[in-house]
N, C-alpha and C. Protein backbone atom coordinates (compact mmCIF):
# COMPACT_ATOMS: atom_id res chain seq x y z
N MET A 1 40.40 -89.38 -92.39
CA MET A 1 40.34 -88.34 -91.43
C MET A 1 41.36 -87.27 -91.77
N ILE A 2 42.63 -87.70 -92.00
CA ILE A 2 43.70 -86.68 -92.29
C ILE A 2 43.55 -86.10 -93.69
N GLN A 3 42.87 -86.78 -94.62
CA GLN A 3 42.77 -86.34 -95.94
C GLN A 3 41.76 -85.19 -96.11
N ARG A 4 40.98 -84.93 -95.02
CA ARG A 4 40.05 -83.82 -95.08
C ARG A 4 40.67 -82.51 -94.84
N LYS A 5 40.32 -81.54 -95.58
CA LYS A 5 40.96 -80.27 -95.47
C LYS A 5 40.73 -79.59 -94.12
N GLN A 6 39.57 -79.79 -93.58
CA GLN A 6 39.26 -79.20 -92.21
C GLN A 6 40.21 -79.79 -91.07
N THR A 7 40.61 -81.05 -91.29
CA THR A 7 41.56 -81.61 -90.34
C THR A 7 42.88 -80.86 -90.32
N LEU A 8 43.30 -80.46 -91.46
CA LEU A 8 44.53 -79.75 -91.59
C LEU A 8 44.41 -78.38 -90.93
N PHE A 9 43.25 -77.72 -91.07
CA PHE A 9 43.09 -76.41 -90.45
C PHE A 9 42.97 -76.60 -88.88
N LEU A 10 42.39 -77.69 -88.51
CA LEU A 10 42.31 -77.87 -87.03
C LEU A 10 43.62 -78.24 -86.44
N LEU A 11 44.50 -79.00 -87.25
CA LEU A 11 45.85 -79.22 -86.78
C LEU A 11 46.65 -77.88 -86.69
N GLN A 12 46.32 -77.02 -87.62
CA GLN A 12 46.97 -75.63 -87.53
C GLN A 12 46.55 -74.93 -86.23
N CYS A 13 45.30 -75.10 -85.82
CA CYS A 13 44.87 -74.51 -84.51
C CYS A 13 45.67 -75.12 -83.38
N ILE A 14 45.90 -76.46 -83.41
CA ILE A 14 46.63 -77.13 -82.39
C ILE A 14 48.06 -76.57 -82.35
N ILE A 15 48.63 -76.38 -83.52
CA ILE A 15 50.04 -75.91 -83.63
C ILE A 15 50.09 -74.51 -83.07
N CYS A 16 49.12 -73.67 -83.43
CA CYS A 16 49.13 -72.30 -82.94
C CYS A 16 48.99 -72.26 -81.35
N GLY A 17 48.19 -73.15 -80.81
CA GLY A 17 48.04 -73.20 -79.35
C GLY A 17 49.37 -73.65 -78.68
N ILE A 18 50.01 -74.58 -79.26
CA ILE A 18 51.35 -75.07 -78.73
C ILE A 18 52.40 -73.99 -78.87
N VAL A 19 52.41 -73.30 -79.99
CA VAL A 19 53.41 -72.19 -80.13
C VAL A 19 53.12 -71.10 -79.14
N MET A 20 51.80 -70.79 -78.91
CA MET A 20 51.51 -69.71 -77.95
C MET A 20 51.91 -70.07 -76.54
N MET A 21 52.13 -71.32 -76.27
CA MET A 21 52.63 -71.75 -74.94
C MET A 21 54.08 -71.37 -74.67
N TYR A 22 54.83 -71.29 -75.81
CA TYR A 22 56.25 -71.06 -75.62
C TYR A 22 56.85 -69.71 -76.19
N ILE A 23 55.99 -68.92 -76.77
CA ILE A 23 56.41 -67.62 -77.25
C ILE A 23 55.94 -66.60 -76.19
N PRO A 24 56.83 -65.69 -75.69
CA PRO A 24 56.38 -64.76 -74.64
C PRO A 24 55.30 -63.89 -75.08
N CYS A 25 54.20 -63.80 -74.26
CA CYS A 25 53.05 -62.97 -74.47
C CYS A 25 53.37 -61.56 -74.07
N GLN A 26 54.08 -61.44 -73.00
CA GLN A 26 54.44 -60.10 -72.47
C GLN A 26 55.92 -60.08 -72.11
N GLN A 27 56.57 -58.90 -72.33
CA GLN A 27 57.89 -58.70 -71.91
C GLN A 27 57.88 -57.83 -70.58
N ILE A 28 58.48 -58.35 -69.57
CA ILE A 28 58.51 -57.74 -68.28
C ILE A 28 59.90 -57.18 -68.02
N THR A 29 59.97 -55.86 -67.83
CA THR A 29 61.30 -55.19 -67.62
C THR A 29 61.45 -55.12 -66.12
N LEU A 30 62.49 -55.66 -65.60
CA LEU A 30 62.88 -55.44 -64.15
C LEU A 30 64.05 -54.44 -64.15
N ALA A 31 64.55 -54.17 -63.00
CA ALA A 31 65.65 -53.26 -62.84
C ALA A 31 66.88 -53.73 -63.55
N ASP A 32 67.14 -55.02 -63.52
CA ASP A 32 68.46 -55.57 -64.04
C ASP A 32 68.27 -56.47 -65.24
N LYS A 33 67.07 -56.89 -65.59
CA LYS A 33 66.88 -57.80 -66.79
C LYS A 33 65.48 -57.71 -67.32
N THR A 34 65.32 -58.37 -68.47
CA THR A 34 63.99 -58.42 -69.13
C THR A 34 63.57 -59.86 -69.18
N LEU A 35 62.36 -60.18 -68.82
CA LEU A 35 61.87 -61.52 -68.80
C LEU A 35 60.67 -61.59 -69.78
N GLY A 36 60.51 -62.80 -70.40
CA GLY A 36 59.37 -62.97 -71.29
C GLY A 36 58.38 -63.87 -70.50
N LEU A 37 57.12 -63.55 -70.53
CA LEU A 37 56.08 -64.34 -69.80
C LEU A 37 55.31 -65.12 -70.87
N CYS A 38 55.37 -66.39 -70.82
CA CYS A 38 54.67 -67.21 -71.78
C CYS A 38 53.36 -67.73 -71.14
N LEU A 39 52.64 -68.50 -71.91
CA LEU A 39 51.37 -69.08 -71.44
C LEU A 39 51.61 -70.44 -70.79
N VAL A 40 52.60 -70.46 -69.96
CA VAL A 40 52.84 -71.63 -69.07
C VAL A 40 53.05 -71.04 -67.70
N PRO A 41 52.86 -71.72 -66.65
CA PRO A 41 53.00 -71.13 -65.32
C PRO A 41 54.44 -70.68 -65.04
N SER A 42 54.56 -69.58 -64.49
CA SER A 42 55.89 -68.93 -64.30
C SER A 42 56.54 -69.42 -62.97
N ASP A 43 57.81 -69.69 -63.04
CA ASP A 43 58.54 -70.08 -61.79
C ASP A 43 59.58 -69.16 -61.34
N VAL A 44 59.49 -67.96 -61.95
CA VAL A 44 60.49 -66.90 -61.59
C VAL A 44 60.04 -66.29 -60.27
N ALA A 45 60.99 -66.04 -59.34
CA ALA A 45 60.62 -65.58 -57.99
C ALA A 45 60.17 -64.09 -57.98
N GLU A 46 60.72 -63.25 -58.94
CA GLU A 46 60.37 -61.91 -59.01
C GLU A 46 58.92 -61.60 -59.54
N ILE A 47 58.38 -62.60 -60.17
CA ILE A 47 57.08 -62.38 -60.89
C ILE A 47 55.98 -63.23 -60.21
N ALA A 48 54.92 -62.54 -59.93
CA ALA A 48 53.72 -63.21 -59.36
C ALA A 48 52.55 -63.16 -60.36
N SER A 49 52.21 -64.27 -60.82
CA SER A 49 51.14 -64.32 -61.90
C SER A 49 49.73 -63.96 -61.35
N THR A 50 48.94 -63.46 -62.16
CA THR A 50 47.61 -63.11 -61.74
C THR A 50 46.62 -64.25 -62.15
N LEU A 51 45.35 -64.02 -61.71
CA LEU A 51 44.33 -65.01 -62.06
C LEU A 51 44.05 -64.98 -63.56
N GLY A 52 44.26 -63.76 -64.16
CA GLY A 52 44.08 -63.63 -65.65
C GLY A 52 45.09 -64.45 -66.36
N HIS A 53 46.34 -64.48 -65.93
CA HIS A 53 47.35 -65.33 -66.55
C HIS A 53 47.05 -66.84 -66.50
N PHE A 54 46.57 -67.25 -65.35
CA PHE A 54 46.20 -68.66 -65.22
C PHE A 54 44.94 -68.94 -66.06
N GLY A 55 44.02 -67.98 -66.16
CA GLY A 55 42.88 -68.19 -67.02
C GLY A 55 43.27 -68.28 -68.47
N ALA A 56 44.18 -67.50 -68.91
CA ALA A 56 44.63 -67.59 -70.26
C ALA A 56 45.37 -68.93 -70.61
N ILE A 57 46.09 -69.36 -69.59
CA ILE A 57 46.72 -70.65 -69.79
C ILE A 57 45.74 -71.76 -69.86
N ALA A 58 44.70 -71.68 -69.08
CA ALA A 58 43.61 -72.72 -69.12
C ALA A 58 42.84 -72.67 -70.42
N LEU A 59 42.57 -71.46 -70.89
CA LEU A 59 41.86 -71.33 -72.17
C LEU A 59 42.66 -71.78 -73.33
N ASN A 60 43.97 -71.53 -73.29
CA ASN A 60 44.83 -72.01 -74.41
C ASN A 60 44.88 -73.55 -74.37
N LEU A 61 45.01 -74.10 -73.24
CA LEU A 61 45.04 -75.56 -73.15
C LEU A 61 43.68 -76.14 -73.53
N GLY A 62 42.64 -75.47 -73.22
CA GLY A 62 41.26 -75.91 -73.61
C GLY A 62 41.12 -75.79 -75.09
N ALA A 63 41.61 -74.80 -75.73
CA ALA A 63 41.56 -74.61 -77.15
C ALA A 63 42.26 -75.71 -77.88
N VAL A 64 43.52 -76.05 -77.36
CA VAL A 64 44.30 -77.15 -77.97
C VAL A 64 43.52 -78.46 -77.86
N LEU A 65 43.02 -78.78 -76.69
CA LEU A 65 42.25 -80.02 -76.52
C LEU A 65 41.01 -80.04 -77.31
N LEU A 66 40.25 -78.89 -77.38
CA LEU A 66 39.08 -78.86 -78.17
C LEU A 66 39.31 -79.06 -79.63
N SER A 67 40.42 -78.50 -80.19
CA SER A 67 40.77 -78.76 -81.53
C SER A 67 41.06 -80.21 -81.81
N PHE A 68 41.73 -80.85 -80.92
CA PHE A 68 42.06 -82.26 -81.03
C PHE A 68 40.79 -83.12 -80.98
N LEU A 69 39.75 -82.74 -80.14
CA LEU A 69 38.56 -83.44 -80.05
C LEU A 69 37.67 -83.28 -81.31
N ILE A 70 37.74 -82.05 -81.86
CA ILE A 70 36.95 -81.82 -83.07
C ILE A 70 37.41 -82.66 -84.28
N ILE A 71 38.67 -82.95 -84.30
CA ILE A 71 39.25 -83.80 -85.28
C ILE A 71 38.68 -85.16 -85.30
N PHE A 72 38.53 -85.68 -84.16
CA PHE A 72 38.07 -87.07 -84.00
C PHE A 72 36.53 -87.21 -83.95
N LEU A 73 35.83 -86.12 -84.09
CA LEU A 73 34.34 -86.17 -84.27
C LEU A 73 33.94 -86.07 -85.67
N PHE A 74 34.69 -86.69 -86.57
CA PHE A 74 34.49 -86.51 -88.05
C PHE A 74 33.21 -87.15 -88.50
N LYS A 75 32.54 -88.01 -87.71
CA LYS A 75 31.30 -88.61 -88.20
C LYS A 75 30.08 -87.73 -87.71
N LYS A 76 30.36 -86.77 -86.83
CA LYS A 76 29.24 -85.95 -86.30
C LYS A 76 29.60 -84.51 -86.76
N ARG A 77 29.32 -84.22 -88.04
CA ARG A 77 29.67 -82.98 -88.66
C ARG A 77 28.99 -81.75 -88.02
N GLU A 78 27.75 -81.89 -87.64
CA GLU A 78 27.02 -80.72 -87.07
C GLU A 78 27.70 -80.39 -85.75
N MET A 79 28.02 -81.41 -84.93
CA MET A 79 28.68 -81.18 -83.64
C MET A 79 30.10 -80.52 -83.93
N GLN A 80 30.76 -80.92 -84.97
CA GLN A 80 32.02 -80.29 -85.35
C GLN A 80 31.87 -78.81 -85.58
N ILE A 81 30.83 -78.39 -86.28
CA ILE A 81 30.57 -77.03 -86.59
C ILE A 81 30.39 -76.27 -85.30
N LYS A 82 29.49 -76.82 -84.43
CA LYS A 82 29.26 -76.08 -83.14
C LYS A 82 30.45 -75.93 -82.31
N LEU A 83 31.27 -76.94 -82.19
CA LEU A 83 32.45 -76.94 -81.38
C LEU A 83 33.50 -76.03 -82.06
N SER A 84 33.53 -75.95 -83.32
CA SER A 84 34.49 -75.05 -84.01
C SER A 84 34.09 -73.61 -83.76
N TYR A 85 32.84 -73.25 -83.73
CA TYR A 85 32.49 -71.89 -83.28
C TYR A 85 32.88 -71.60 -81.90
N ALA A 86 32.81 -72.60 -81.00
CA ALA A 86 33.29 -72.48 -79.58
C ALA A 86 34.77 -72.28 -79.60
N LEU A 87 35.48 -73.00 -80.51
CA LEU A 87 36.90 -72.83 -80.61
C LEU A 87 37.30 -71.44 -81.05
N MET A 88 36.52 -70.83 -82.01
CA MET A 88 36.79 -69.47 -82.39
C MET A 88 36.58 -68.49 -81.16
N ALA A 89 35.57 -68.79 -80.42
CA ALA A 89 35.28 -67.92 -79.22
C ALA A 89 36.40 -68.03 -78.24
N PHE A 90 36.99 -69.25 -78.04
CA PHE A 90 38.13 -69.42 -77.14
C PHE A 90 39.26 -68.55 -77.54
N TRP A 91 39.59 -68.59 -78.86
CA TRP A 91 40.72 -67.86 -79.42
C TRP A 91 40.51 -66.37 -79.29
N MET A 92 39.24 -65.94 -79.53
CA MET A 92 38.98 -64.44 -79.34
C MET A 92 39.15 -64.04 -77.89
N ILE A 93 38.77 -64.90 -76.96
CA ILE A 93 38.89 -64.57 -75.51
C ILE A 93 40.41 -64.52 -75.16
N ILE A 94 41.11 -65.45 -75.76
CA ILE A 94 42.61 -65.51 -75.46
C ILE A 94 43.28 -64.22 -75.89
N ILE A 95 42.92 -63.79 -77.13
CA ILE A 95 43.48 -62.56 -77.68
C ILE A 95 43.04 -61.29 -76.81
N ALA A 96 41.83 -61.27 -76.41
CA ALA A 96 41.35 -60.20 -75.54
C ALA A 96 42.15 -60.20 -74.21
N MET A 97 42.34 -61.40 -73.65
CA MET A 97 43.01 -61.50 -72.40
C MET A 97 44.47 -61.08 -72.51
N VAL A 98 45.12 -61.35 -73.59
CA VAL A 98 46.49 -60.92 -73.81
C VAL A 98 46.58 -59.41 -73.85
N TYR A 99 45.59 -58.76 -74.56
CA TYR A 99 45.63 -57.33 -74.60
C TYR A 99 45.17 -56.66 -73.35
N LEU A 100 44.12 -57.15 -72.66
CA LEU A 100 43.50 -56.43 -71.61
C LEU A 100 43.91 -56.85 -70.22
N CYS A 101 44.17 -58.08 -69.99
CA CYS A 101 44.49 -58.59 -68.64
C CYS A 101 45.98 -58.42 -68.25
N PRO A 102 46.19 -57.90 -67.11
CA PRO A 102 47.62 -57.96 -66.67
C PRO A 102 47.96 -59.34 -66.20
N PHE A 103 49.03 -59.88 -66.66
CA PHE A 103 49.48 -61.20 -66.40
C PHE A 103 50.35 -61.24 -65.13
N VAL A 104 50.82 -60.10 -64.70
CA VAL A 104 51.72 -60.09 -63.41
C VAL A 104 51.19 -59.07 -62.45
N ILE A 105 51.43 -59.26 -61.20
CA ILE A 105 51.08 -58.35 -60.20
C ILE A 105 52.20 -57.31 -60.10
N LYS A 106 51.81 -56.03 -60.31
CA LYS A 106 52.80 -54.92 -60.35
C LYS A 106 53.38 -54.75 -58.95
N THR A 107 54.74 -54.73 -58.95
CA THR A 107 55.53 -54.52 -57.75
C THR A 107 56.53 -53.38 -58.04
N ASP A 108 57.33 -53.03 -57.00
CA ASP A 108 58.32 -52.01 -57.24
C ASP A 108 59.48 -52.52 -58.11
N LYS A 109 59.66 -53.82 -58.20
CA LYS A 109 60.71 -54.42 -58.97
C LYS A 109 60.39 -54.34 -60.49
N ILE A 110 59.13 -54.41 -60.87
CA ILE A 110 58.69 -54.42 -62.30
C ILE A 110 58.59 -52.90 -62.69
N GLN A 111 59.37 -52.61 -63.75
CA GLN A 111 59.36 -51.20 -64.28
C GLN A 111 58.36 -51.10 -65.40
N ALA A 112 58.25 -52.10 -66.31
CA ALA A 112 57.32 -52.01 -67.48
C ALA A 112 56.91 -53.35 -67.94
N VAL A 113 55.74 -53.39 -68.50
CA VAL A 113 55.20 -54.59 -69.10
C VAL A 113 54.74 -54.29 -70.51
N ALA A 114 55.31 -54.98 -71.51
CA ALA A 114 54.93 -54.68 -72.86
C ALA A 114 54.33 -55.96 -73.57
N ILE A 115 53.32 -55.75 -74.37
CA ILE A 115 52.66 -56.85 -75.03
C ILE A 115 53.43 -57.26 -76.24
N ASN A 116 53.57 -58.60 -76.54
CA ASN A 116 54.10 -59.05 -77.76
C ASN A 116 53.02 -59.21 -78.80
N HIS A 117 53.01 -58.36 -79.80
CA HIS A 117 51.98 -58.45 -80.80
C HIS A 117 52.04 -59.64 -81.70
N PHE A 118 53.12 -60.30 -81.79
CA PHE A 118 53.27 -61.46 -82.56
C PHE A 118 52.33 -62.64 -82.02
N VAL A 119 52.12 -62.62 -80.71
CA VAL A 119 51.29 -63.57 -80.16
C VAL A 119 49.85 -63.37 -80.59
N VAL A 120 49.43 -62.06 -80.70
CA VAL A 120 48.09 -61.75 -81.20
C VAL A 120 47.91 -62.17 -82.64
N LEU A 121 48.98 -62.11 -83.45
CA LEU A 121 48.90 -62.53 -84.81
C LEU A 121 48.72 -64.08 -84.95
N ILE A 122 49.36 -64.76 -84.03
CA ILE A 122 49.18 -66.23 -83.92
C ILE A 122 47.72 -66.53 -83.59
N GLY A 123 47.17 -65.83 -82.68
CA GLY A 123 45.75 -66.01 -82.32
C GLY A 123 44.83 -65.74 -83.44
N ILE A 124 45.10 -64.68 -84.26
CA ILE A 124 44.29 -64.38 -85.46
C ILE A 124 44.38 -65.47 -86.45
N ILE A 125 45.60 -66.01 -86.65
CA ILE A 125 45.76 -67.10 -87.62
C ILE A 125 44.96 -68.34 -87.13
N ALA A 126 44.95 -68.58 -85.83
CA ALA A 126 44.16 -69.71 -85.30
C ALA A 126 42.61 -69.45 -85.57
N ILE A 127 42.17 -68.24 -85.39
CA ILE A 127 40.73 -67.93 -85.70
C ILE A 127 40.43 -68.14 -87.08
N ALA A 128 41.30 -67.73 -88.00
CA ALA A 128 41.11 -67.89 -89.41
C ALA A 128 41.10 -69.42 -89.78
N ALA A 129 41.97 -70.18 -89.14
CA ALA A 129 42.01 -71.63 -89.39
C ALA A 129 40.71 -72.31 -88.93
N ALA A 130 40.23 -71.91 -87.78
CA ALA A 130 38.87 -72.44 -87.31
C ALA A 130 37.72 -72.05 -88.25
N TRP A 131 37.79 -70.81 -88.76
CA TRP A 131 36.78 -70.39 -89.69
C TRP A 131 36.79 -71.23 -91.01
N PHE A 132 38.04 -71.47 -91.51
CA PHE A 132 38.18 -72.25 -92.70
C PHE A 132 37.75 -73.77 -92.46
N ALA A 133 38.08 -74.21 -91.26
CA ALA A 133 37.56 -75.57 -90.91
C ALA A 133 36.07 -75.63 -90.90
N ILE A 134 35.36 -74.62 -90.45
CA ILE A 134 33.92 -74.60 -90.43
C ILE A 134 33.42 -74.54 -91.83
N LYS A 135 34.09 -73.81 -92.69
CA LYS A 135 33.69 -73.66 -94.11
C LYS A 135 33.81 -75.04 -94.82
N PHE A 136 34.87 -75.74 -94.61
CA PHE A 136 35.01 -77.05 -95.25
C PHE A 136 34.18 -78.16 -94.66
N ILE A 137 33.82 -78.03 -93.37
CA ILE A 137 32.86 -78.97 -92.78
C ILE A 137 31.49 -78.75 -93.45
N LYS A 138 31.15 -77.50 -93.64
CA LYS A 138 29.88 -77.24 -94.31
C LYS A 138 29.80 -77.74 -95.72
N LYS A 139 31.00 -77.69 -96.44
CA LYS A 139 31.08 -78.23 -97.79
C LYS A 139 30.88 -79.71 -97.79
N ASP A 140 31.40 -80.40 -96.75
CA ASP A 140 31.22 -81.86 -96.63
C ASP A 140 29.79 -82.23 -96.46
N ILE A 141 29.07 -81.38 -95.56
CA ILE A 141 27.68 -81.65 -95.39
C ILE A 141 26.91 -81.49 -96.61
N ASP A 142 27.18 -80.44 -97.35
CA ASP A 142 26.48 -80.14 -98.58
C ASP A 142 26.78 -81.27 -99.60
N LEU A 143 27.93 -81.80 -99.69
CA LEU A 143 28.26 -82.84 -100.60
C LEU A 143 27.56 -84.19 -100.27
N LEU A 144 27.46 -84.45 -98.98
CA LEU A 144 26.73 -85.63 -98.56
C LEU A 144 25.25 -85.45 -98.85
N LYS A 145 24.72 -84.26 -98.65
CA LYS A 145 23.24 -84.14 -98.92
C LYS A 145 23.01 -84.22 -100.44
N SER A 146 23.90 -83.78 -101.31
CA SER A 146 23.73 -83.86 -102.74
C SER A 146 23.84 -85.34 -103.13
N ALA A 147 24.76 -86.08 -102.45
CA ALA A 147 24.90 -87.46 -102.85
C ALA A 147 23.62 -88.29 -102.44
N ASP A 148 23.03 -87.87 -101.27
CA ASP A 148 21.83 -88.57 -100.85
C ASP A 148 20.62 -88.24 -101.76
N ARG A 149 20.62 -87.10 -102.38
CA ARG A 149 19.53 -86.81 -103.35
C ARG A 149 19.69 -87.59 -104.51
N ILE A 150 20.87 -87.94 -104.98
CA ILE A 150 21.09 -88.69 -106.22
C ILE A 150 20.65 -90.11 -106.03
N ARG A 151 20.78 -90.67 -104.88
CA ARG A 151 20.36 -92.12 -104.58
C ARG A 151 18.87 -92.14 -104.64
């Protein structure tokens, strides 16, 4: 299981999801301080999270769990490919939500909200890792089909 290249790429997707939980997606400037908003529920009193923030948290958690599930479906390669495409879609939606959805409710205390573009880079790396996992799963399928033809 671990010796397969696609497993390493799926582990990279898991790592990207965990890293996205703890790197601030948005910088929120208040009158007296600057706060970073991560993809974990916020407990700061000055900030009220929106439904988009909770949706991004749920999608990120779903992407991590889906990556973990795909690793253990190594005997069902066709299912792995389908779920890997779904994983890519999860990551694309997460990136779109970081760019388009406001994660906090605007109040008079909040002066500015800035997007952290490094988080988007992490999402793009996860999409590339999922794509490479699909590529290597397809190579495994082709290898097994050619071995079956030889028998």
